[in-house]
Amino acid sequence: MGILDRFRLDGRIAIVTGASRGIGGGIAVALAEAGASVVLVGRDESTLRQQAERIGRLGAASLIVAADMSDITACPEVVERAVARFGSLDILVNAAGTIVRKPILESTPDDFDRVIDLNLRAVYFMSQAAARAMIAARRADALRPRAKIINIASLTSQIAYQNIVSYGGSRTGVLGLTRGMAVEWREHIGVNALAPGYIRTGQTATLFDDPDWVVRILSRIPMGRTGEVDDVVGTAVLFASSASDYITGQIVYLDGGWLAAG
């Protein structure tokens, strides 16, 4: 197999949560472009349909599953529908996420639960459901390619920001889940995480509308610019592909050099 062939995903089946837009949406399209069939999971069915049409134009197959991943009872159903439609499961991308911007003293238990349920609990239980299918298939067929789980962490897993402490805590928790899953499922599944810095998405749009905020942030980024979704998806394809078969338990920060600069 040539080196470029190792990055191809032909014949592989991927589930992407949070696939309707933003980083999850970009990763879903990138996996399809690399050859995967993609199960698009999100709450907004109309936006998922637009994503499915885009993937169809790439010549790839897709399945729409409208689900709220903060309700963990949806996790096994998503996997069951993926396997029923495509026959197997090779890749999971846990990209669904949310944020509540409030000082700690103003936050409610509901605010906290909303963030933790989607950003942390859903990652755990979606990975659990996917791993059951992935491991069973690989025990039955040792020639199947190594399965992959990609979690989404954040720059805030390493640096503290006020008013989003629950978000930072949830994303820091993802680091622990990623490393633990990588060790526990080492025989059959590679588990890694992407930790983006400030990426321009719908979730961050209000921040980017503040010119003073942009100036402050740019002063911390050695590359002198914030990120775009396209800056994230290439590493996702690497982690989903056979090119990363000896990588597991790793966190890659896509931050324009922020952490390196200290």
Protein backbone atom coordinates (compact mmCIF):
# COMPACT_ATOMS: atom_id res chain seq x y z
CA MET A 1 0.00 0.00 0.00
CA GLY A 2 1.41 3.40 -1.02
CA ILE A 3 1.66 6.17 1.54
CA LEU A 4 -1.21 8.21 0.09
CA ASP A 5 -3.37 5.09 0.00
CA ARG A 6 -2.99 4.79 3.78
CA PHE A 7 -4.92 8.05 4.16
CA ARG A 8 -7.85 6.79 2.09
CA LEU A 9 -11.06 5.71 3.81
CA ASP A 10 -12.72 3.79 0.99
CA GLY A 11 -15.16 1.19 2.28
CA ARG A 12 -15.11 2.50 5.85
CA ILE A 13 -18.13 3.60 7.82
CA ALA A 14 -18.01 6.68 10.04
CA ILE A 15 -20.41 8.17 12.57
CA VAL A 16 -20.00 11.89 13.17
CA THR A 17 -22.01 13.57 15.92
CA GLY A 18 -22.53 17.31 15.68
CA ALA A 19 -22.36 16.81 11.93
CA SER A 20 -24.76 19.53 10.85
CA ARG A 21 -22.29 22.42 11.05
CA GLY A 22 -19.02 23.72 12.43
CA ILE A 23 -16.10 21.42 13.13
CA GLY A 24 -18.25 18.28 13.09
CA GLY A 25 -19.79 19.28 9.78
CA GLY A 26 -16.39 19.93 8.25
CA ILE A 27 -14.99 16.62 9.46
CA ALA A 28 -18.01 14.73 8.09
CA VAL A 29 -17.45 16.15 4.62
CA ALA A 30 -13.69 15.53 4.79
CA LEU A 31 -14.18 11.88 5.73
CA ALA A 32 -16.60 11.48 2.82
CA GLU A 33 -14.11 13.12 0.46
CA ALA A 34 -11.51 10.59 1.65
CA GLY A 35 -13.91 7.78 0.70
CA ALA A 36 -15.92 6.96 3.83
CA SER A 37 -19.66 6.50 4.09
CA VAL A 38 -20.85 8.85 6.82
CA VAL A 39 -23.66 8.68 9.37
CA LEU A 40 -24.60 12.30 10.05
CA VAL A 41 -25.91 12.83 13.59
CA GLY A 42 -27.38 16.08 14.88
CA ARG A 43 -30.51 17.79 16.12
CA ASP A 44 -31.26 19.91 13.03
CA GLU A 45 -32.57 17.52 10.40
CA SER A 46 -32.87 20.17 7.69
CA THR A 47 -29.20 21.11 8.04
CA LEU A 48 -28.24 17.44 8.08
CA ARG A 49 -30.06 17.03 4.79
CA GLN A 50 -27.97 19.82 3.29
CA GLN A 51 -24.85 18.04 4.52
CA ALA A 52 -26.06 14.77 3.00
CA GLU A 53 -26.58 16.49 -0.34
CA ARG A 54 -23.07 17.91 -0.21
CA ILE A 55 -21.65 14.48 0.57
CA GLY A 56 -23.70 12.96 -2.23
CA ARG A 57 -22.11 15.37 -4.69
CA LEU A 58 -18.74 13.94 -3.63
CA GLY A 59 -19.97 10.49 -4.63
CA ALA A 60 -20.16 9.21 -1.05
CA ALA A 61 -23.06 7.60 0.79
CA SER A 62 -24.60 9.00 3.96
CA LEU A 63 -27.32 8.36 6.50
CA ILE A 64 -29.11 11.05 8.52
CA VAL A 65 -29.90 10.37 12.17
CA ALA A 66 -31.68 13.23 13.95
CA ALA A 67 -30.84 12.85 17.63
CA ASP A 68 -30.01 14.88 20.73
CA MET A 69 -26.79 13.35 22.00
CA SER A 70 -27.23 14.85 25.45
CA ASP A 71 -29.84 12.10 25.86
CA ILE A 72 -27.53 9.13 26.18
CA THR A 73 -30.31 6.66 25.41
CA ALA A 74 -29.81 7.75 21.79
CA CYS A 75 -26.24 6.39 21.69
CA PRO A 76 -26.92 2.68 21.09
CA GLU A 77 -29.71 3.52 18.64
CA VAL A 78 -27.35 5.62 16.52
CA VAL A 79 -24.88 2.75 16.33
CA GLU A 80 -27.61 0.21 15.57
CA ARG A 81 -28.92 2.34 12.71
CA ALA A 82 -25.42 2.79 11.30
CA VAL A 83 -24.71 -0.94 11.34
CA ALA A 84 -28.16 -1.77 9.96
CA ARG A 85 -27.63 0.59 7.02
CA PHE A 86 -23.97 -0.05 6.21
CA GLY A 87 -23.18 -3.39 7.85
CA SER A 88 -20.29 -2.27 10.02
CA LEU A 89 -18.66 0.61 11.88
CA ASP A 90 -15.05 1.76 11.61
CA ILE A 91 -14.86 5.38 12.76
CA LEU A 92 -16.56 7.50 15.40
CA VAL A 93 -16.11 11.26 15.69
CA ASN A 94 -17.56 12.75 18.88
CA ALA A 95 -17.98 16.34 17.71
CA ALA A 96 -21.29 17.35 19.30
CA GLY A 97 -20.75 20.06 21.88
CA THR A 98 -22.12 23.14 23.57
CA ILE A 99 -20.99 26.03 25.75
CA VAL A 100 -22.60 28.22 28.39
CA ARG A 101 -20.92 31.59 28.88
CA LYS A 102 -21.56 32.62 32.49
CA PRO A 103 -19.48 33.36 35.58
CA ILE A 104 -19.45 30.47 38.04
CA LEU A 105 -21.42 32.45 40.61
CA GLU A 106 -24.24 33.01 38.12
CA SER A 107 -24.38 29.47 36.76
CA THR A 108 -27.19 27.08 37.64
CA PRO A 109 -27.13 23.29 37.97
CA ASP A 110 -29.04 23.15 34.68
CA ASP A 111 -26.33 25.23 32.98
CA PHE A 112 -23.65 22.87 34.26
CA ASP A 113 -25.57 19.72 33.36
CA ARG A 114 -26.29 20.99 29.86
CA VAL A 115 -22.56 21.30 29.16
CA ILE A 116 -21.43 18.11 30.90
CA ASP A 117 -24.22 15.98 29.41
CA LEU A 118 -23.28 16.80 25.82
CA ASN A 119 -19.55 17.45 26.04
CA LEU A 120 -18.57 14.63 28.39
CA ARG A 121 -21.30 12.06 29.16
CA ALA A 122 -22.27 11.74 25.49
CA VAL A 123 -18.63 11.15 24.54
CA TYR A 124 -18.37 8.34 27.10
CA PHE A 125 -21.59 6.56 26.23
CA MET A 126 -21.40 7.11 22.47
CA SER A 127 -17.88 5.69 22.50
CA GLN A 128 -19.08 2.77 24.61
CA ALA A 129 -21.85 1.92 22.14
CA ALA A 130 -19.55 2.29 19.14
CA ALA A 131 -16.74 0.28 20.72
CA ARG A 132 -19.04 -2.65 21.37
CA ALA A 133 -19.79 -2.89 17.65
CA MET A 134 -16.20 -2.16 16.58
CA ILE A 135 -14.61 -4.74 18.88
CA ALA A 136 -17.15 -7.47 18.11
CA ALA A 137 -16.57 -7.04 14.38
CA ARG A 138 -12.80 -7.20 14.76
CA ARG A 139 -12.90 -10.25 16.98
CA ALA A 140 -14.95 -11.92 14.27
CA ASP A 141 -12.64 -10.78 11.46
CA ALA A 142 -9.01 -10.10 12.34
CA LEU A 143 -8.37 -8.62 8.88
CA ARG A 144 -10.67 -5.65 9.43
CA PRO A 145 -8.80 -2.33 9.60
CA ARG A 146 -8.15 -0.88 13.02
CA ALA A 147 -11.16 1.10 14.26
CA LYS A 148 -10.78 4.75 15.22
CA ILE A 149 -12.45 7.08 17.71
CA ILE A 150 -11.78 10.81 17.49
CA ASN A 151 -12.84 13.04 20.35
CA ILE A 152 -12.98 16.82 20.37
CA ALA A 153 -11.25 18.55 23.25
CA SER A 154 -10.19 22.21 23.30
CA LEU A 155 -7.39 24.66 23.94
CA THR A 156 -9.32 25.32 27.16
CA SER A 157 -8.29 21.82 28.24
CA GLN A 158 -4.90 23.41 28.95
CA ILE A 159 -5.58 27.09 29.64
CA ALA A 160 -8.15 28.66 31.95
CA TYR A 161 -10.71 31.17 30.72
CA GLN A 162 -13.24 32.88 32.91
CA ASN A 163 -16.98 32.59 32.23
CA ILE A 164 -16.62 29.22 30.46
CA VAL A 165 -15.33 27.12 33.35
CA SER A 166 -17.89 24.34 32.86
CA TYR A 167 -16.88 24.12 29.19
CA GLY A 168 -13.18 23.95 30.03
CA GLY A 169 -13.87 21.32 32.65
CA SER A 170 -15.85 19.20 30.22
CA ARG A 171 -13.14 19.40 27.57
CA THR A 172 -10.45 18.58 30.12
CA GLY A 173 -12.50 15.52 31.03
CA VAL A 174 -12.38 14.48 27.38
CA LEU A 175 -8.59 14.22 27.67
CA GLY A 176 -8.94 11.68 30.47
CA LEU A 177 -11.56 9.72 28.56
CA THR A 178 -9.38 9.67 25.45
CA ARG A 179 -6.33 8.32 27.24
CA GLY A 180 -8.31 5.77 29.24
CA MET A 181 -10.20 4.48 26.22
CA ALA A 182 -6.95 4.26 24.24
CA VAL A 183 -5.45 1.95 26.85
CA GLU A 184 -8.57 -0.13 27.49
CA TRP A 185 -9.35 -0.68 23.80
CA ARG A 186 -5.73 -0.79 22.60
CA GLU A 187 -6.08 -4.09 20.74
CA HIS A 188 -8.79 -3.00 18.30
CA ILE A 189 -9.34 0.79 18.44
CA GLY A 190 -7.13 3.84 18.19
CA VAL A 191 -8.51 6.70 20.29
CA ASN A 192 -7.19 10.24 19.91
CA ALA A 193 -8.44 13.78 20.40
CA LEU A 194 -8.30 17.05 18.51
CA ALA A 195 -8.02 20.16 20.68
CA PRO A 196 -8.77 23.21 18.54
CA GLY A 197 -7.92 26.73 19.56
CA TYR A 198 -10.10 29.59 18.39
CA ILE A 199 -11.79 28.34 15.22
CA ARG A 200 -14.30 30.47 13.33
CA THR A 201 -17.65 28.64 13.57
CA GLY A 202 -21.25 29.51 14.34
CA GLN A 203 -20.57 28.81 18.01
CA THR A 204 -17.78 31.40 18.12
CA ALA A 205 -19.35 33.95 15.77
CA THR A 206 -20.26 36.45 18.49
CA LEU A 207 -16.66 36.47 19.71
CA PHE A 208 -15.29 37.19 16.26
CA ASP A 209 -17.72 40.10 15.94
CA ASP A 210 -15.85 41.90 18.75
CA PRO A 211 -12.77 43.61 17.23
CA ASP A 212 -11.17 44.18 20.64
CA TRP A 213 -11.46 40.48 21.44
CA VAL A 214 -9.91 39.57 18.08
CA VAL A 215 -6.93 41.85 18.74
CA ARG A 216 -6.38 40.29 22.18
CA ILE A 217 -6.59 36.76 20.85
CA LEU A 218 -4.30 37.41 17.89
CA SER A 219 -1.67 38.77 20.26
CA ARG A 220 -1.48 35.28 21.81
CA ILE A 221 -1.25 33.30 18.56
CA PRO A 222 2.26 33.13 17.02
CA MET A 223 0.86 32.40 13.56
CA GLY A 224 -1.04 35.70 13.73
CA ARG A 225 -4.44 34.36 12.75
CA THR A 226 -7.34 32.42 14.18
CA GLY A 227 -8.30 29.06 12.74
CA GLU A 228 -10.83 27.88 10.19
CA VAL A 229 -12.63 24.55 10.08
CA ASP A 230 -10.36 23.53 7.20
CA ASP A 231 -7.42 23.79 9.61
CA VAL A 232 -8.92 20.96 11.68
CA VAL A 233 -10.22 18.43 9.18
CA GLY A 234 -6.89 17.20 7.82
CA THR A 235 -5.79 15.92 11.21
CA ALA A 236 -9.18 14.25 11.60
CA VAL A 237 -8.65 12.34 8.36
CA LEU A 238 -5.20 11.28 9.60
CA PHE A 239 -6.64 9.98 12.87
CA ALA A 240 -9.43 8.16 11.00
CA SER A 241 -7.08 6.47 8.56
CA SER A 242 -4.58 3.62 8.59
CA ALA A 243 -1.80 6.21 8.52
CA SER A 244 -2.36 6.67 12.27
CA ASP A 245 -2.47 3.00 13.25
CA TYR A 246 0.43 3.37 15.71
CA ILE A 247 -0.96 6.54 17.28
CA THR A 248 -3.32 6.27 20.22
CA GLY A 249 -4.10 8.21 23.38
CA GLN A 250 -2.77 11.43 21.88
CA ILE A 251 -4.10 14.99 21.98
CA VAL A 252 -3.24 17.30 19.09
CA TYR A 253 -3.63 21.03 19.69
CA LEU A 254 -4.64 22.98 16.59
CA ASP A 255 -3.97 26.41 18.03
CA GLY A 256 -1.60 28.29 15.72
CA GLY A 257 1.22 27.86 18.23
CA TRP A 258 -0.56 29.32 21.28
CA LEU A 259 0.60 26.66 23.76
CA ALA A 260 4.10 26.53 22.32
CA ALA A 261 4.52 30.25 23.01
CA GLY A 262 3.54 29.81 26.66
